[in-house]
Amino acid sequence: SMLREQADPLVSLLGMRRSATLIAVLSLLTLTACGGGGGGKCAEEIWTGEFGICLNAGWEQVSDEQLREEGVPIETLAAFQLKERRAGQRDNIVVSYERLGSKASSLKYSEVNIKTIEATPEYKLIEKREIEVDGEDSLLHVFTARPVPDLPARHFYQVSATKGTTGYVFTGTLPFAVEAEIEEGLINMLLSGSLEKK
């Protein structure tokens, strides 16, 4: 089983459907992303009504129409991408959600998501960093994986947070070999993610 700790009620509750969704999001990111994005600082504050994120210069929100064309999982709330194409593809961030059925802390939800992602092909943990989202403890999960067999492994960056009985996952991706400044720019955007209107 992908989720080994079946004794944990939250893990049991989330079950296999959610692991399929998380891995589908990773696959989507791999298919639609590539190349290096700009580093940089917050240039545009976005508030969708459900979450906020601060985009660096050169980034934009992907239209709902484009998301449908890409065949994204229904749990996808929004996606953001580097405007400039590199090698025909773009770096991006996808924000997805799920109803949890019961309340869970952001930290607990993050730990469950990390366990789920460990089942992705060629998964390798790079870093687990303690962070806060809206003052609540969570984790920045940095890893490499190869969710699409025909494409090379990539770097993924993931932040999970909860509000009430809804879980949110902010996932960014970059090429396997990436400059530190570009990586820092993407991480700063993910760490700006919030479920509270500022």
C-alpha atoms as a PDB file:
ATOM      1  CA  SER A   1       0.000   0.000   0.000  1.00  0.00           C
ATOM      2  CA  MET A   2       1.176   3.536  -0.742  1.00  0.00           C
ATOM      3  CA  LEU A   3       0.104   4.621   2.732  1.00  0.00           C
ATOM      4  CA  ARG A   4       1.765   2.348   5.196  1.00  0.00           C
ATOM      5  CA  GLU A   5       0.445   3.766   8.464  1.00  0.00           C
ATOM      6  CA  GLN A   6      -3.164   2.672   8.136  1.00  0.00           C
ATOM      7  CA  ALA A   7      -3.581   2.992  11.903  1.00  0.00           C
ATOM      8  CA  ASP A   8      -3.473   6.768  11.491  1.00  0.00           C
ATOM      9  CA  PRO A   9      -7.122   7.861  10.987  1.00  0.00           C
ATOM     10  CA  LEU A  10      -6.217  10.886   8.854  1.00  0.00           C
ATOM     11  CA  VAL A  11      -4.056   8.751   6.570  1.00  0.00           C
ATOM     12  CA  SER A  12      -6.893   6.202   6.276  1.00  0.00           C
ATOM     13  CA  LEU A  13      -9.384   8.994   5.639  1.00  0.00           C
ATOM     14  CA  LEU A  14      -7.350  10.487   2.809  1.00  0.00           C
ATOM     15  CA  GLY A  15      -6.770   7.074   1.253  1.00  0.00           C
ATOM     16  CA  MET A  16      -5.744   6.242  -2.276  1.00  0.00           C
ATOM     17  CA  ARG A  17      -7.817   8.841  -4.155  1.00  0.00           C
ATOM     18  CA  ARG A  18      -5.761  11.676  -2.740  1.00  0.00           C
ATOM     19  CA  SER A  19      -2.444  10.024  -3.513  1.00  0.00           C
ATOM     20  CA  ALA A  20      -3.592   9.638  -7.116  1.00  0.00           C
ATOM     21  CA  THR A  21      -4.494  13.353  -7.167  1.00  0.00           C
ATOM     22  CA  LEU A  22      -1.160  14.472  -5.699  1.00  0.00           C
ATOM     23  CA  ILE A  23       0.783  12.338  -8.153  1.00  0.00           C
ATOM     24  CA  ALA A  24      -1.433  13.578 -11.028  1.00  0.00           C
ATOM     25  CA  VAL A  25      -0.508  17.140 -10.038  1.00  0.00           C
ATOM     26  CA  LEU A  26       3.204  16.211 -10.075  1.00  0.00           C
ATOM     27  CA  SER A  27       2.746  14.648 -13.523  1.00  0.00           C
ATOM     28  CA  LEU A  28       0.966  17.747 -14.790  1.00  0.00           C
ATOM     29  CA  LEU A  29       3.752  19.964 -13.468  1.00  0.00           C
ATOM     30  CA  THR A  30       6.324  17.773 -15.201  1.00  0.00           C
ATOM     31  CA  LEU A  31       4.453  17.864 -18.505  1.00  0.00           C
ATOM     32  CA  THR A  32       3.810  21.618 -18.541  1.00  0.00           C
ATOM     33  CA  ALA A  33       6.953  22.955 -16.882  1.00  0.00           C
ATOM     34  CA  CYS A  34      10.596  23.305 -17.771  1.00  0.00           C
ATOM     35  CA  GLY A  35      13.426  25.800 -18.100  1.00  0.00           C
ATOM     36  CA  GLY A  36      14.615  28.304 -15.487  1.00  0.00           C
ATOM     37  CA  GLY A  37      12.413  31.036 -14.042  1.00  0.00           C
ATOM     38  CA  GLY A  38      13.552  34.422 -12.821  1.00  0.00           C
ATOM     39  CA  GLY A  39      14.600  34.768  -9.217  1.00  0.00           C
ATOM     40  CA  GLY A  40      13.374  37.950  -7.667  1.00  0.00           C
ATOM     41  CA  LYS A  41      10.970  39.525  -5.261  1.00  0.00           C
ATOM     42  CA  CYS A  42       7.211  39.790  -4.951  1.00  0.00           C
ATOM     43  CA  ALA A  43       5.768  41.878  -7.790  1.00  0.00           C
ATOM     44  CA  GLU A  44       2.042  41.043  -7.662  1.00  0.00           C
ATOM     45  CA  GLU A  45      -0.214  40.049  -4.747  1.00  0.00           C
ATOM     46  CA  ILE A  46      -2.949  37.622  -5.842  1.00  0.00           C
ATOM     47  CA  TRP A  47      -6.045  36.813  -3.752  1.00  0.00           C
ATOM     48  CA  THR A  48      -8.410  34.243  -5.301  1.00  0.00           C
ATOM     49  CA  GLY A  49     -11.075  34.256  -2.595  1.00  0.00           C
ATOM     50  CA  GLU A  50      -9.634  31.031  -1.148  1.00  0.00           C
ATOM     51  CA  PHE A  51      -5.917  31.687  -0.961  1.00  0.00           C
ATOM     52  CA  GLY A  52      -3.289  34.331  -1.597  1.00  0.00           C
ATOM     53  CA  ILE A  53       0.166  34.178  -3.157  1.00  0.00           C
ATOM     54  CA  CYS A  54       2.736  36.776  -4.135  1.00  0.00           C
ATOM     55  CA  LEU A  55       4.100  36.332  -7.665  1.00  0.00           C
ATOM     56  CA  ASN A  56       7.571  37.396  -8.724  1.00  0.00           C
ATOM     57  CA  ALA A  57       8.070  39.576 -11.794  1.00  0.00           C
ATOM     58  CA  GLY A  58       7.581  37.625 -15.016  1.00  0.00           C
ATOM     59  CA  TRP A  59       4.932  35.263 -13.567  1.00  0.00           C
ATOM     60  CA  GLU A  60       1.213  35.125 -14.392  1.00  0.00           C
ATOM     61  CA  GLN A  61      -1.908  33.198 -13.443  1.00  0.00           C
ATOM     62  CA  VAL A  62      -2.946  30.494 -15.928  1.00  0.00           C
ATOM     63  CA  SER A  63      -6.504  30.988 -17.273  1.00  0.00           C
ATOM     64  CA  ASP A  64      -9.218  28.496 -16.281  1.00  0.00           C
ATOM     65  CA  GLU A  65      -9.667  27.715 -19.983  1.00  0.00           C
ATOM     66  CA  GLN A  66      -5.987  26.832 -20.366  1.00  0.00           C
ATOM     67  CA  LEU A  67      -6.153  24.654 -17.231  1.00  0.00           C
ATOM     68  CA  ARG A  68      -9.100  22.718 -18.703  1.00  0.00           C
ATOM     69  CA  GLU A  69      -7.187  22.258 -21.961  1.00  0.00           C
ATOM     70  CA  GLU A  70      -4.236  20.831 -19.987  1.00  0.00           C
ATOM     71  CA  GLY A  71      -6.626  18.325 -18.375  1.00  0.00           C
ATOM     72  CA  VAL A  72      -5.747  19.268 -14.801  1.00  0.00           C
ATOM     73  CA  PRO A  73      -7.275  17.332 -11.885  1.00  0.00           C
ATOM     74  CA  ILE A  74     -10.600  18.802 -10.724  1.00  0.00           C
ATOM     75  CA  GLU A  75      -8.992  19.520  -7.336  1.00  0.00           C
ATOM     76  CA  THR A  76      -6.748  22.183  -8.916  1.00  0.00           C
ATOM     77  CA  LEU A  77      -7.713  25.680  -7.703  1.00  0.00           C
ATOM     78  CA  ALA A  78      -5.210  27.672  -9.742  1.00  0.00           C
ATOM     79  CA  ALA A  79      -1.873  27.547 -11.518  1.00  0.00           C
ATOM     80  CA  PHE A  80       0.800  30.171 -12.072  1.00  0.00           C
ATOM     81  CA  GLN A  81       3.575  30.110 -14.638  1.00  0.00           C
ATOM     82  CA  LEU A  82       6.594  31.965 -15.853  1.00  0.00           C
ATOM     83  CA  LYS A  83       5.386  34.065 -18.829  1.00  0.00           C
ATOM     84  CA  GLU A  84       8.503  33.368 -20.867  1.00  0.00           C
ATOM     85  CA  ARG A  85       8.757  29.940 -22.469  1.00  0.00           C
ATOM     86  CA  ARG A  86      12.095  28.158 -22.258  1.00  0.00           C
ATOM     87  CA  ALA A  87      12.623  25.122 -24.498  1.00  0.00           C
ATOM     88  CA  GLY A  88       8.892  25.216 -25.240  1.00  0.00           C
ATOM     89  CA  GLN A  89       7.820  24.900 -21.594  1.00  0.00           C
ATOM     90  CA  ARG A  90       7.476  26.997 -18.441  1.00  0.00           C
ATOM     91  CA  ASP A  91       8.196  26.764 -14.708  1.00  0.00           C
ATOM     92  CA  ASN A  92       4.992  26.721 -12.694  1.00  0.00           C
ATOM     93  CA  ILE A  93       3.165  26.481  -9.383  1.00  0.00           C
ATOM     94  CA  VAL A  94      -0.105  24.569  -8.938  1.00  0.00           C
ATOM     95  CA  VAL A  95      -2.453  25.038  -5.958  1.00  0.00           C
ATOM     96  CA  SER A  96      -4.790  22.122  -5.228  1.00  0.00           C
ATOM     97  CA  TYR A  97      -7.268  21.398  -2.440  1.00  0.00           C
ATOM     98  CA  GLU A  98      -9.264  18.589  -0.877  1.00  0.00           C
ATOM     99  CA  ARG A  99     -12.016  18.209   1.694  1.00  0.00           C
ATOM    100  CA  LEU A 100     -10.624  16.353   4.698  1.00  0.00           C
ATOM    101  CA  GLY A 101     -13.785  15.280   6.534  1.00  0.00           C
ATOM    102  CA  SER A 102     -12.293  16.365   9.870  1.00  0.00           C
ATOM    103  CA  LYS A 103      -9.974  19.122  11.052  1.00  0.00           C
ATOM    104  CA  ALA A 104      -6.226  18.543  10.913  1.00  0.00           C
ATOM    105  CA  SER A 105      -3.287  20.830  11.658  1.00  0.00           C
ATOM    106  CA  SER A 106      -1.209  22.129   8.747  1.00  0.00           C
ATOM    107  CA  LEU A 107       1.793  20.235  10.131  1.00  0.00           C
ATOM    108  CA  LYS A 108      -0.100  16.926  10.341  1.00  0.00           C
ATOM    109  CA  TYR A 109      -1.517  17.417   6.849  1.00  0.00           C
ATOM    110  CA  SER A 110       1.954  18.187   5.521  1.00  0.00           C
ATOM    111  CA  GLU A 111       3.374  15.015   7.112  1.00  0.00           C
ATOM    112  CA  VAL A 112       0.611  12.899   5.526  1.00  0.00           C
ATOM    113  CA  ASN A 113       1.256  14.478   2.114  1.00  0.00           C
ATOM    114  CA  ILE A 114       4.981  13.739   2.407  1.00  0.00           C
ATOM    115  CA  LYS A 115       4.205  10.059   3.150  1.00  0.00           C
ATOM    116  CA  THR A 116       1.944   9.959   0.090  1.00  0.00           C
ATOM    117  CA  ILE A 117       4.500  11.553  -2.222  1.00  0.00           C
ATOM    118  CA  GLU A 118       7.181   9.063  -1.125  1.00  0.00           C
ATOM    119  CA  ALA A 119       5.384   6.553  -3.410  1.00  0.00           C
ATOM    120  CA  THR A 120       6.158   8.631  -6.538  1.00  0.00           C
ATOM    121  CA  PRO A 121       8.618   6.945  -8.942  1.00  0.00           C
ATOM    122  CA  GLU A 122      12.289   7.841  -8.277  1.00  0.00           C
ATOM    123  CA  TYR A 123      11.345   9.899  -5.199  1.00  0.00           C
ATOM    124  CA  LYS A 124      14.321  11.329  -3.316  1.00  0.00           C
ATOM    125  CA  LEU A 125      14.027  13.663  -0.324  1.00  0.00           C
ATOM    126  CA  ILE A 126      16.167  16.794  -0.605  1.00  0.00           C
ATOM    127  CA  GLU A 127      14.958  18.849   2.358  1.00  0.00           C
ATOM    128  CA  LYS A 128      12.193  19.145   4.953  1.00  0.00           C
ATOM    129  CA  ARG A 129      12.227  22.690   6.337  1.00  0.00           C
ATOM    130  CA  GLU A 130      10.079  23.855   9.264  1.00  0.00           C
ATOM    131  CA  ILE A 131       8.036  26.870   8.163  1.00  0.00           C
ATOM    132  CA  GLU A 132       4.850  28.711   9.152  1.00  0.00           C
ATOM    133  CA  VAL A 133       1.739  29.345   7.068  1.00  0.00           C
ATOM    134  CA  ASP A 134      -0.518  32.008   8.619  1.00  0.00           C
ATOM    135  CA  GLY A 135       1.257  31.465  11.946  1.00  0.00           C
ATOM    136  CA  GLU A 136       0.663  27.688  11.907  1.00  0.00           C
ATOM    137  CA  ASP A 137       3.553  25.206  11.785  1.00  0.00           C
ATOM    138  CA  SER A 138       4.026  23.364   8.512  1.00  0.00           C
ATOM    139  CA  LEU A 139       6.857  21.988   6.342  1.00  0.00           C
ATOM    140  CA  LEU A 140       8.483  22.943   3.065  1.00  0.00           C
ATOM    141  CA  HIS A 141       9.048  19.576   1.345  1.00  0.00           C
ATOM    142  CA  VAL A 142      11.751  19.657  -1.344  1.00  0.00           C
ATOM    143  CA  PHE A 143      12.292  16.482  -3.364  1.00  0.00           C
ATOM    144  CA  THR A 144      13.132  15.068  -6.759  1.00  0.00           C
ATOM    145  CA  ALA A 145      10.876  12.582  -8.536  1.00  0.00           C
ATOM    146  CA  ARG A 146       9.983  11.291 -11.973  1.00  0.00           C
ATOM    147  CA  PRO A 147       6.175  11.013 -12.089  1.00  0.00           C
ATOM    148  CA  VAL A 148       6.130  10.787 -15.913  1.00  0.00           C
ATOM    149  CA  PRO A 149       8.319   7.867 -17.111  1.00  0.00           C
ATOM    150  CA  ASP A 150       9.098   9.425 -20.516  1.00  0.00           C
ATOM    151  CA  LEU A 151      10.390  12.691 -19.017  1.00  0.00           C
ATOM    152  CA  PRO A 152      13.421  13.413 -16.829  1.00  0.00           C
ATOM    153  CA  ALA A 153      13.241  13.682 -13.047  1.00  0.00           C
ATOM    154  CA  ARG A 154      12.572  17.190 -11.692  1.00  0.00           C
ATOM    155  CA  HIS A 155      12.788  19.193  -8.487  1.00  0.00           C
ATOM    156  CA  PHE A 156       9.501  19.705  -6.635  1.00  0.00           C
ATOM    157  CA  TYR A 157       8.756  22.132  -3.799  1.00  0.00           C
ATOM    158  CA  GLN A 158       5.622  21.624  -1.733  1.00  0.00           C
ATOM    159  CA  VAL A 159       3.878  23.490   1.093  1.00  0.00           C
ATOM    160  CA  SER A 160       0.682  22.133   2.706  1.00  0.00           C
ATOM    161  CA  ALA A 161      -1.777  24.055   4.863  1.00  0.00           C
ATOM    162  CA  THR A 162      -5.265  23.560   6.280  1.00  0.00           C
ATOM    163  CA  LYS A 163      -8.211  25.807   7.011  1.00  0.00           C
ATOM    164  CA  GLY A 164     -11.133  24.187   8.791  1.00  0.00           C
ATOM    165  CA  THR A 165     -11.706  20.837   7.067  1.00  0.00           C
ATOM    166  CA  THR A 166     -10.012  21.798   3.785  1.00  0.00           C
ATOM    167  CA  GLY A 167      -6.413  21.005   2.911  1.00  0.00           C
ATOM    168  CA  TYR A 168      -4.425  23.086   0.430  1.00  0.00           C
ATOM    169  CA  VAL A 169      -1.196  22.095  -1.338  1.00  0.00           C
ATOM    170  CA  PHE A 170       1.081  24.612  -3.090  1.00  0.00           C
ATOM    171  CA  THR A 171       3.462  22.733  -5.430  1.00  0.00           C
ATOM    172  CA  GLY A 172       6.184  24.268  -7.590  1.00  0.00           C
ATOM    173  CA  THR A 173       8.608  22.593  -9.963  1.00  0.00           C
ATOM    174  CA  LEU A 174      11.962  23.376 -11.567  1.00  0.00           C
ATOM    175  CA  PRO A 175      14.386  21.428 -13.749  1.00  0.00           C
ATOM    176  CA  PHE A 176      16.682  18.877 -12.107  1.00  0.00           C
ATOM    177  CA  ALA A 177      19.676  21.212 -12.422  1.00  0.00           C
ATOM    178  CA  VAL A 178      18.711  24.712 -11.328  1.00  0.00           C
ATOM    179  CA  GLU A 179      20.501  27.897 -10.297  1.00  0.00           C
ATOM    180  CA  ALA A 180      20.250  28.836  -6.598  1.00  0.00           C
ATOM    181  CA  GLU A 181      18.729  32.253  -7.365  1.00  0.00           C
ATOM    182  CA  ILE A 182      15.902  30.706  -9.426  1.00  0.00           C
ATOM    183  CA  GLU A 183      15.228  28.138  -6.717  1.00  0.00           C
ATOM    184  CA  GLU A 184      15.132  30.837  -4.035  1.00  0.00           C
ATOM    185  CA  GLY A 185      12.646  32.864  -6.121  1.00  0.00           C
ATOM    186  CA  LEU A 186      10.270  29.900  -6.433  1.00  0.00           C
ATOM    187  CA  ILE A 187      10.553  29.019  -2.726  1.00  0.00           C
ATOM    188  CA  ASN A 188       9.798  32.647  -1.766  1.00  0.00           C
ATOM    189  CA  MET A 189       6.592  32.526  -3.818  1.00  0.00           C
ATOM    190  CA  LEU A 190       5.525  29.250  -2.160  1.00  0.00           C
ATOM    191  CA  LEU A 191       6.292  30.649   1.300  1.00  0.00           C
ATOM    192  CA  SER A 192       4.089  33.663   0.532  1.00  0.00           C
ATOM    193  CA  GLY A 193       1.092  31.309   0.193  1.00  0.00           C
ATOM    194  CA  SER A 194      -1.695  32.180   2.640  1.00  0.00           C
ATOM    195  CA  LEU A 195      -5.274  31.170   3.415  1.00  0.00           C
ATOM    196  CA  GLU A 196      -6.017  34.533   5.059  1.00  0.00           C
ATOM    197  CA  LYS A 197      -6.654  37.750   3.127  1.00  0.00           C
ATOM    198  CA  LYS A 198      -3.939  40.224   4.141  1.00  0.00           C
END
